Amino acid sequence: MASDTLTITDNRTGKAYDVPITDDTIRAIDLRQIKVKDDDFGMMTYDPAFMNTAACRSAITYIDGDRGILRYRGYPIEQIADKATFLEVAYLLNEGELPNRAQLDKWTNDIRFHTYVHTNLIKFLEGYRYDAHPMGMLLGIVGGLSTFYPDAKDIEDKQNRYIQRVRLMAKLPTLAAFLFRHSRGLPYEFPRNDLGYVGNYVNMMFSIGGKHEPNPVLQRALEILLILHADHEQNCSTSAVRAVGSSGVDPFSAVSAGIAALYGPLHGGANEAVLRMLDEIGTKDKIPAFIESVKQGHGRLMGFGHRVYKSYDPRAKLIKKVADDVFAQTGLNNKLEIALELERIALSDEYFIKRKLYPNVDFYSGLIYQAMGYPTDYFTVIFALGRLPGWLAQWEEMIGDKEQKIARPRQIYTGHDERPYVPMEKR
């Protein structure tokens, strides 16, 4: 018997089955051979929310949640966030290696060439109410992009896929800035291709009368936040991009599915929940009572704990340093003081330590965005800008994976057995 197999004995029949193990994983389809009768469907796995199911093989992002490790293509997130630009990271995720100077120049220039959007998209945007949620607008307008680029449907052409990825990288900051200004009744500020990727986005957001004085510290802080959000393995929105993309749809439609998933409060809206929690606490002297209420089951400590990380989220450590840099420019506020004290108390409380509840990436990011002038309901749009390179890299990897087919999970049917139709007069 091979040592790299799992032997399963079915106590219903007494039969034993040897299932191959690869990378500490068995294939769910190998369980189908386990049957009581020959005409049975076969054994399935039941895994709500995919708590212990690998849906793909990926070479993009590595996470070790127990040890607090995050790597992009093998590079530690600490080094990437400290030394790389966002476009370097986007290239790395999509192409597999850090770019040399010529490669980065071409990537940058290709994106710069596509930053403008069709004027009909502006008319599309103006159809939204002034108080429409930014993520709802972004979801619709990115999906609408697919109608402007029908060639995007040719996903079998590698060069064509590259062009669509470039278009999305180039146009999403423009659209994100436009919808921000639309909600405030401000005229649209068009791209300035003499500026860098992040600087151009910030200028389109905040320029008044064609003038905006950039703050290099705040711009670098924003760039680091985008890098920290760039990819995070098979999370909800990435899984949505892969699942929808598996149907063969164009990348604009697949990415709009990711935006829809990110729109949810359990995914992209978590940093908004942190700010609401801090508002509810109100003052530092009320923190002990709040902590006690959480321990009694009467509330949640937002921004602590993570589905994957069972130790300190490595991104949270980096964001805390970013927060120090940002608040040195903008000044402290009441929310930050509450957050710092809340973190100090929680990290020394045995209740939270035993449950491995440590600050995650959302705990400080909302405070930083707010300090930099972004409204609360816009935070998730910035998250989407950061996550876009990861979505595109995961989509590209999925397209090239010969094992992948259209996503189609099984179910365990729990409804009625066959029964006859009941006429209306007998119901």
Protein backbone atom coordinates (compact mmCIF):
# COMPACT_ATOMS: atom_id res chain seq x y z
CA MET A 1 0.00 0.00 0.00
CA ALA A 2 1.37 3.42 -0.97
CA SER A 3 2.16 5.69 1.97
CA ASP A 4 0.71 8.76 0.23
CA THR A 5 -2.85 7.45 0.31
CA LEU A 6 -5.80 7.65 2.64
CA THR A 7 -7.59 4.40 3.40
CA ILE A 8 -11.31 4.81 3.99
CA THR A 9 -13.42 2.00 5.33
CA ASP A 10 -17.16 2.28 4.67
CA ASN A 11 -18.77 0.66 7.71
CA ARG A 12 -22.05 0.36 5.80
CA THR A 13 -20.55 -2.14 3.39
CA GLY A 14 -17.23 -3.15 4.93
CA LYS A 15 -15.40 -2.07 1.76
CA ALA A 16 -12.09 -0.20 1.96
CA TYR A 17 -10.93 2.43 -0.51
CA ASP A 18 -7.47 3.90 -1.06
CA VAL A 19 -7.59 7.58 -2.01
CA PRO A 20 -4.43 9.35 -3.26
CA ILE A 21 -3.07 12.26 -1.19
CA THR A 22 -1.36 15.16 -2.94
CA ASP A 23 -0.24 18.27 -1.03
CA ASP A 24 -2.12 17.03 2.06
CA THR A 25 -5.29 17.05 -0.03
CA ILE A 26 -7.61 14.43 -1.45
CA ARG A 27 -9.78 15.04 -4.48
CA ALA A 28 -13.47 15.16 -3.64
CA ILE A 29 -14.28 13.35 -6.89
CA ASP A 30 -12.32 10.31 -5.61
CA LEU A 31 -15.01 9.85 -2.97
CA ARG A 32 -17.61 9.19 -5.65
CA GLN A 33 -16.45 5.58 -5.86
CA ILE A 34 -17.81 5.00 -2.34
CA LYS A 35 -21.29 3.56 -2.84
CA VAL A 36 -23.71 1.21 -1.10
CA LYS A 37 -25.38 0.17 -4.37
CA ASP A 38 -23.95 0.30 -7.85
CA ASP A 39 -26.56 2.79 -9.03
CA ASP A 40 -25.96 5.22 -6.12
CA PHE A 41 -24.60 8.63 -7.01
CA GLY A 42 -21.65 8.15 -4.70
CA MET A 43 -20.19 9.91 -1.67
CA MET A 44 -20.00 13.71 -1.66
CA THR A 45 -18.36 16.19 0.70
CA TYR A 46 -20.49 18.76 2.53
CA ASP A 47 -18.62 21.99 3.28
CA PRO A 48 -20.80 25.08 3.78
CA ALA A 49 -18.84 28.29 3.08
CA PHE A 50 -15.86 26.21 1.86
CA MET A 51 -14.28 26.09 5.31
CA ASN A 52 -11.98 23.22 4.31
CA THR A 53 -12.23 22.91 0.54
CA ALA A 54 -9.57 23.87 -2.01
CA ALA A 55 -11.26 24.88 -5.24
CA CYS A 56 -8.10 25.52 -7.24
CA ARG A 57 -4.33 25.26 -7.37
CA SER A 58 -2.80 28.73 -7.31
CA ALA A 59 0.72 30.14 -7.43
CA ILE A 60 -0.26 33.74 -6.64
CA THR A 61 -0.67 34.26 -2.90
CA TYR A 62 0.50 32.20 0.06
CA ILE A 63 -1.06 32.54 3.51
CA ASP A 64 -0.15 30.76 6.72
CA GLY A 65 -2.83 31.97 9.10
CA ASP A 66 -1.37 30.31 12.18
CA ARG A 67 2.00 32.01 11.77
CA GLY A 68 0.70 35.31 10.35
CA ILE A 69 2.45 34.96 6.98
CA LEU A 70 1.32 36.59 3.72
CA ARG A 71 3.38 36.41 0.53
CA TYR A 72 2.75 37.59 -3.02
CA ARG A 73 4.42 35.19 -5.49
CA GLY A 74 6.79 34.18 -2.68
CA TYR A 75 7.73 37.72 -1.59
CA PRO A 76 6.88 38.62 2.05
CA ILE A 77 4.22 41.30 2.28
CA GLU A 78 6.45 43.27 4.66
CA GLN A 79 9.12 43.68 1.96
CA ILE A 80 6.64 44.31 -0.83
CA ALA A 81 4.76 47.02 1.07
CA ASP A 82 7.99 48.72 2.12
CA LYS A 83 9.83 48.72 -1.19
CA ALA A 84 7.45 48.28 -4.15
CA THR A 85 5.03 50.55 -5.98
CA PHE A 86 1.45 49.49 -6.57
CA LEU A 87 2.03 48.99 -10.30
CA GLU A 88 5.06 46.81 -9.56
CA VAL A 89 2.87 44.67 -7.31
CA ALA A 90 0.13 44.51 -9.95
CA TYR A 91 2.70 43.34 -12.51
CA LEU A 92 4.12 40.80 -10.05
CA LEU A 93 0.71 39.30 -9.30
CA ASN A 94 -0.28 39.09 -12.95
CA GLU A 95 3.01 38.06 -14.55
CA GLY A 96 4.58 36.03 -11.74
CA GLU A 97 7.84 37.97 -11.39
CA LEU A 98 8.91 41.46 -10.40
CA PRO A 99 9.35 43.59 -13.54
CA ASN A 100 12.69 44.90 -14.73
CA ARG A 101 12.88 48.55 -15.75
CA ALA A 102 11.83 47.97 -19.37
CA GLN A 103 8.93 45.73 -18.35
CA LEU A 104 7.69 48.18 -15.73
CA ASP A 105 7.95 51.10 -18.18
CA LYS A 106 5.89 49.22 -20.77
CA TRP A 107 3.28 48.17 -18.17
CA THR A 108 3.06 51.73 -16.85
CA ASN A 109 2.82 53.28 -20.31
CA ASP A 110 0.21 50.77 -21.48
CA ILE A 111 -1.95 51.66 -18.46
CA ARG A 112 -1.38 55.40 -18.91
CA PHE A 113 -2.56 55.15 -22.52
CA HIS A 114 -5.95 53.75 -21.44
CA THR A 115 -6.88 55.98 -18.48
CA TYR A 116 -9.60 57.94 -20.32
CA VAL A 117 -13.12 56.52 -20.53
CA HIS A 118 -15.75 56.84 -23.25
CA THR A 119 -17.92 59.93 -22.76
CA ASN A 120 -21.04 57.75 -22.92
CA LEU A 121 -19.93 56.25 -19.61
CA ILE A 122 -20.27 59.69 -18.07
CA LYS A 123 -23.90 59.77 -19.25
CA PHE A 124 -24.32 56.31 -17.73
CA LEU A 125 -22.96 57.61 -14.42
CA GLU A 126 -25.20 60.65 -14.45
CA GLY A 127 -28.20 58.34 -14.41
CA TYR A 128 -27.49 57.57 -10.74
CA ARG A 129 -28.96 59.64 -7.96
CA TYR A 130 -26.56 61.91 -6.09
CA ASP A 131 -26.98 59.77 -2.97
CA ALA A 132 -26.46 56.38 -4.66
CA HIS A 133 -24.00 54.19 -2.79
CA PRO A 134 -20.56 54.39 -4.45
CA MET A 135 -20.20 50.61 -4.62
CA GLY A 136 -23.57 50.25 -6.33
CA MET A 137 -22.45 52.78 -8.93
CA LEU A 138 -19.07 51.08 -9.37
CA LEU A 139 -20.72 47.70 -9.76
CA GLY A 140 -22.99 48.93 -12.52
CA ILE A 141 -20.49 50.99 -14.45
CA VAL A 142 -17.75 48.30 -14.49
CA GLY A 143 -20.29 45.79 -15.77
CA GLY A 144 -21.29 48.37 -18.36
CA LEU A 145 -17.70 48.57 -19.60
CA SER A 146 -18.13 45.16 -21.18
CA THR A 147 -20.56 46.67 -23.70
CA PHE A 148 -17.94 49.18 -24.82
CA TYR A 149 -15.32 46.52 -25.48
CA PRO A 150 -17.00 43.56 -27.23
CA ASP A 151 -13.55 42.25 -28.14
CA ALA A 152 -13.12 41.42 -24.43
CA LYS A 153 -15.23 38.32 -25.01
CA ASP A 154 -12.34 36.70 -26.89
CA ILE A 155 -10.78 35.28 -23.74
CA GLU A 156 -8.88 32.55 -25.60
CA ASP A 157 -6.48 35.16 -27.06
CA LYS A 158 -3.68 35.84 -24.56
CA GLN A 159 -2.76 39.24 -25.99
CA ASN A 160 -6.39 40.28 -25.96
CA ARG A 161 -6.68 39.27 -22.30
CA TYR A 162 -3.65 41.44 -21.55
CA ILE A 163 -5.29 44.44 -23.20
CA GLN A 164 -8.46 43.96 -21.13
CA ARG A 165 -6.46 43.69 -17.92
CA VAL A 166 -4.64 46.91 -18.84
CA ARG A 167 -7.96 48.63 -19.58
CA LEU A 168 -9.37 47.67 -16.20
CA MET A 169 -6.23 48.76 -14.34
CA ALA A 170 -6.29 52.07 -16.21
CA LYS A 171 -9.99 52.90 -16.09
CA LEU A 172 -11.06 51.79 -12.62
CA PRO A 173 -9.32 54.74 -10.85
CA THR A 174 -10.91 57.15 -13.34
CA LEU A 175 -14.38 55.71 -12.79
CA ALA A 176 -13.87 55.57 -9.02
CA ALA A 177 -12.93 59.26 -8.97
CA PHE A 178 -15.81 60.20 -11.28
CA LEU A 179 -18.45 58.56 -9.12
CA PHE A 180 -17.00 60.28 -6.05
CA ARG A 181 -17.33 63.67 -7.73
CA HIS A 182 -20.76 62.80 -9.12
CA SER A 183 -22.07 62.21 -5.60
CA ARG A 184 -20.84 65.69 -4.61
CA GLY A 185 -22.01 67.57 -7.67
CA LEU A 186 -18.44 68.40 -8.68
CA PRO A 187 -17.26 68.60 -12.30
CA TYR A 188 -15.25 65.58 -13.41
CA GLU A 189 -11.49 65.92 -13.30
CA PHE A 190 -9.96 64.04 -16.21
CA PRO A 191 -6.79 61.94 -15.97
CA ARG A 192 -3.42 63.64 -15.98
CA ASN A 193 -1.00 61.21 -17.51
CA ASP A 194 2.00 63.24 -16.36
CA LEU A 195 1.24 61.98 -12.85
CA GLY A 196 1.87 58.55 -11.38
CA TYR A 197 -0.85 55.97 -10.92
CA VAL A 198 -1.76 56.91 -7.33
CA GLY A 199 -1.08 60.62 -7.82
CA ASN A 200 -3.37 60.73 -10.85
CA TYR A 201 -6.17 59.04 -8.91
CA VAL A 202 -5.82 61.42 -5.94
CA ASN A 203 -5.77 64.41 -8.29
CA MET A 204 -8.97 63.27 -10.01
CA MET A 205 -10.56 62.89 -6.57
CA PHE A 206 -9.63 66.15 -4.90
CA SER A 207 -8.57 68.68 -7.52
CA ILE A 208 -10.60 71.90 -7.35
CA GLY A 209 -10.32 74.33 -10.23
CA GLY A 210 -7.58 72.20 -11.73
CA LYS A 211 -5.42 72.55 -8.62
CA HIS A 212 -4.43 70.04 -5.98
CA GLU A 213 -1.37 70.13 -3.76
CA PRO A 214 -0.33 66.50 -3.27
CA ASN A 215 0.92 65.32 0.10
CA PRO A 216 3.61 62.70 -0.63
CA VAL A 217 3.24 61.07 2.80
CA LEU A 218 -0.51 60.58 2.36
CA GLN A 219 -0.10 59.38 -1.21
CA ARG A 220 2.48 56.79 -0.18
CA ALA A 221 0.21 55.73 2.68
CA LEU A 222 -2.63 55.19 0.21
CA GLU A 223 -0.30 53.24 -2.07
CA ILE A 224 0.71 50.94 0.79
CA LEU A 225 -2.95 50.33 1.64
CA LEU A 226 -3.65 49.42 -1.99
CA ILE A 227 -0.69 47.02 -1.94
CA LEU A 228 -1.89 45.37 1.27
CA HIS A 229 -5.29 44.77 -0.32
CA ALA A 230 -3.95 43.60 -3.70
CA ASP A 231 -4.66 39.89 -3.22
CA HIS A 232 -5.64 37.59 -0.40
CA GLU A 233 -6.00 34.10 -1.79
CA GLN A 234 -9.49 32.62 -2.33
CA ASN A 235 -11.61 35.14 -0.43
CA CYS A 236 -15.30 35.79 -1.15
CA SER A 237 -14.83 38.34 -3.95
CA THR A 238 -11.94 36.47 -5.59
CA SER A 239 -13.99 33.29 -5.53
CA ALA A 240 -16.83 35.25 -7.16
CA VAL A 241 -14.50 36.45 -9.93
CA ARG A 242 -13.30 32.90 -10.53
CA ALA A 243 -16.78 31.35 -10.40
CA VAL A 244 -18.34 33.89 -12.77
CA GLY A 245 -15.23 33.91 -14.95
CA SER A 246 -15.44 30.13 -15.28
CA SER A 247 -18.54 30.60 -17.46
CA GLY A 248 -16.29 32.15 -20.13
CA VAL A 249 -17.58 35.67 -19.62
CA ASP A 250 -15.42 38.76 -20.29
CA PRO A 251 -13.21 40.10 -17.46
CA PHE A 252 -15.29 43.28 -16.99
CA SER A 253 -18.30 41.14 -16.06
CA ALA A 254 -16.19 38.83 -13.89
CA VAL A 255 -14.68 41.77 -12.02
CA SER A 256 -18.12 43.29 -11.52
CA ALA A 257 -19.04 40.05 -9.72
CA GLY A 258 -16.05 40.61 -7.43
CA ILE A 259 -17.22 44.16 -6.77
CA ALA A 260 -20.70 42.86 -5.91
CA ALA A 261 -19.20 40.42 -3.39
CA LEU A 262 -16.97 43.12 -1.92
CA TYR A 263 -20.04 45.36 -1.51
CA GLY A 264 -21.27 43.05 1.28
CA PRO A 265 -20.78 44.22 4.87
CA LEU A 266 -19.11 40.94 5.86
CA HIS A 267 -16.38 41.47 3.26
CA GLY A 268 -15.51 44.96 2.05
CA GLY A 269 -17.65 46.84 4.54
CA ALA A 270 -15.85 45.65 7.66
CA ASN A 271 -13.81 48.84 8.16
CA GLU A 272 -17.01 50.89 8.10
CA ALA A 273 -18.25 48.70 10.95
CA VAL A 274 -15.12 49.55 12.95
CA LEU A 275 -15.87 53.27 12.70
CA ARG A 276 -19.48 52.73 13.74
CA MET A 277 -18.25 50.75 16.76
CA LEU A 278 -15.85 53.53 17.75
CA ASP A 279 -18.69 56.05 17.43
CA GLU A 280 -20.87 53.89 19.68
CA ILE A 281 -18.13 53.69 22.32
CA GLY A 282 -17.80 57.48 22.19
CA THR A 283 -15.05 58.09 24.77
CA LYS A 284 -12.06 56.20 26.18
CA ASP A 285 -13.59 55.89 29.64
CA LYS A 286 -16.41 53.75 28.19
CA ILE A 287 -14.06 51.15 26.71
CA PRO A 288 -13.98 48.80 29.76
CA ALA A 289 -17.78 48.63 29.83
CA PHE A 290 -17.84 47.96 26.08
CA ILE A 291 -15.23 45.20 26.41
CA GLU A 292 -17.25 43.59 29.18
CA SER A 293 -20.44 43.71 27.10
CA VAL A 294 -18.63 41.95 24.23
CA LYS A 295 -17.44 39.23 26.61
CA GLN A 296 -21.02 38.81 27.81
CA GLY A 297 -22.17 38.23 24.22
CA HIS A 298 -23.94 41.58 23.81
CA GLY A 299 -21.86 42.91 20.94
CA ARG A 300 -18.89 42.29 18.66
CA LEU A 301 -15.38 43.66 18.72
CA MET A 302 -15.18 44.81 15.10
CA GLY A 303 -11.79 44.76 13.39
CA PHE A 304 -10.53 41.85 15.51
CA GLY A 305 -10.21 38.27 14.36
CA HIS A 306 -10.03 36.81 10.87
CA ARG A 307 -11.31 33.70 9.13
CA VAL A 308 -7.76 32.79 8.04
CA TYR A 309 -5.37 34.42 10.54
CA LYS A 310 -5.17 32.85 13.98
CA SER A 311 -2.39 35.21 15.02
CA TYR A 312 -1.73 38.88 14.31
CA ASP A 313 -2.74 39.79 10.75
CA PRO A 314 0.60 40.79 9.13
CA ARG A 315 -1.19 43.53 7.19
CA ALA A 316 -2.50 45.03 10.44
CA LYS A 317 1.05 45.46 11.75
CA LEU A 318 2.00 47.36 8.60
CA ILE A 319 -1.17 49.45 8.62
CA LYS A 320 -0.49 50.56 12.18
CA LYS A 321 2.80 52.08 11.00
CA VAL A 322 0.95 53.73 8.11
CA ALA A 323 -1.54 55.14 10.61
CA ASP A 324 1.30 56.71 12.58
CA ASP A 325 2.60 58.40 9.42
CA VAL A 326 -0.85 59.62 8.37
CA PHE A 327 -1.86 61.00 11.75
CA ALA A 328 1.49 62.78 12.04
CA GLN A 329 0.27 64.74 9.00
CA THR A 330 -3.42 65.10 9.82
CA GLY A 331 -3.34 65.16 13.62
CA LEU A 332 -4.93 62.77 16.10
CA ASN A 333 -8.65 62.47 16.51
CA ASN A 334 -10.93 61.01 19.15
CA LYS A 335 -11.57 57.81 17.19
CA LEU A 336 -7.86 57.01 16.93
CA GLU A 337 -7.34 57.52 20.66
CA ILE A 338 -10.25 55.16 21.37
CA ALA A 339 -8.88 52.63 18.87
CA LEU A 340 -5.41 52.65 20.41
CA GLU A 341 -6.77 52.15 23.91
CA LEU A 342 -9.22 49.49 22.72
CA GLU A 343 -6.37 47.58 21.06
CA ARG A 344 -4.19 47.84 24.17
CA ILE A 345 -6.91 46.49 26.46
CA ALA A 346 -8.03 43.72 24.10
CA LEU A 347 -4.49 42.46 23.48
CA SER A 348 -3.91 42.10 27.22
CA ASP A 349 -7.25 40.45 28.00
CA GLU A 350 -7.15 36.68 28.40
CA TYR A 351 -10.63 36.36 26.87
CA PHE A 352 -9.46 37.67 23.49
CA ILE A 353 -6.00 36.09 23.69
CA LYS A 354 -7.48 32.61 24.25
CA ARG A 355 -9.77 33.07 21.24
CA LYS A 356 -6.87 34.37 19.11
CA LEU A 357 -8.69 37.61 18.37
CA TYR A 358 -6.05 40.02 17.10
CA PRO A 359 -6.48 43.25 15.10
CA ASN A 360 -7.03 42.66 11.39
CA VAL A 361 -6.52 44.87 8.34
CA ASP A 362 -9.87 46.61 8.84
CA PHE A 363 -9.17 47.89 12.34
CA TYR A 364 -7.03 50.85 11.27
CA SER A 365 -7.73 51.20 7.53
CA GLY A 366 -11.05 53.01 7.99
CA LEU A 367 -9.47 55.50 10.38
CA ILE A 368 -6.73 56.19 7.84
CA TYR A 369 -9.15 56.65 4.94
CA GLN A 370 -11.27 59.02 7.01
CA ALA A 371 -8.23 61.07 8.03
CA MET A 372 -7.21 61.38 4.38
CA GLY A 373 -10.61 62.84 3.46
CA TYR A 374 -12.50 59.85 2.08
CA PRO A 375 -16.15 59.46 3.17
CA THR A 376 -17.15 56.29 4.99
CA ASP A 377 -19.35 54.88 2.24
CA TYR A 378 -16.43 55.23 -0.21
CA PHE A 379 -13.96 53.04 1.72
CA THR A 380 -14.93 49.87 -0.14
CA VAL A 381 -14.30 51.54 -3.50
CA ILE A 382 -10.67 52.02 -2.44
CA PHE A 383 -10.61 48.38 -1.36
CA ALA A 384 -11.78 47.44 -4.87
CA LEU A 385 -9.02 49.55 -6.46
CA GLY A 386 -6.47 47.70 -4.37
CA ARG A 387 -7.94 44.24 -4.96
CA LEU A 388 -8.25 44.67 -8.75
CA PRO A 389 -4.75 43.32 -9.61
CA GLY A 390 -5.46 40.19 -7.56
CA TRP A 391 -8.84 39.65 -9.21
CA LEU A 392 -7.22 39.97 -12.64
CA ALA A 393 -4.33 37.66 -11.76
CA GLN A 394 -6.71 35.04 -10.35
CA TRP A 395 -8.94 35.32 -13.44
CA GLU A 396 -5.94 34.92 -15.76
CA GLU A 397 -4.69 31.92 -13.78
CA MET A 398 -8.15 30.33 -13.87
CA ILE A 399 -8.38 30.77 -17.65
CA GLY A 400 -5.06 28.95 -18.10
CA ASP A 401 -5.85 26.10 -15.70
CA LYS A 402 -6.85 23.08 -17.79
CA GLU A 403 -8.45 21.40 -14.77
CA GLN A 404 -10.97 24.20 -14.32
CA LYS A 405 -14.50 23.89 -15.66
CA ILE A 406 -17.57 26.02 -15.20
CA ALA A 407 -18.23 26.30 -11.46
CA ARG A 408 -21.14 24.11 -10.46
CA PRO A 409 -21.31 23.02 -6.79
CA ARG A 410 -23.41 20.06 -5.71
CA GLN A 411 -26.13 20.18 -3.08
CA ILE A 412 -27.80 17.90 -0.56
CA TYR A 413 -31.49 18.03 -1.39
CA THR A 414 -33.66 18.40 1.73
CA GLY A 415 -37.06 19.02 0.13
CA HIS A 416 -40.11 16.83 -0.44
CA ASP A 417 -40.09 13.52 -2.27
CA GLU A 418 -42.23 13.34 -5.39
CA ARG A 419 -45.84 14.32 -4.72
CA PRO A 420 -48.88 14.93 -6.94
CA TYR A 421 -50.06 18.39 -7.95
CA VAL A 422 -52.98 19.62 -5.81
CA PRO A 423 -55.79 21.47 -7.65
CA MET A 424 -56.61 24.94 -6.31
CA GLU A 425 -60.01 23.91 -4.92
CA LYS A 426 -58.39 21.18 -2.78
CA ARG A 427 -55.62 23.23 -1.18
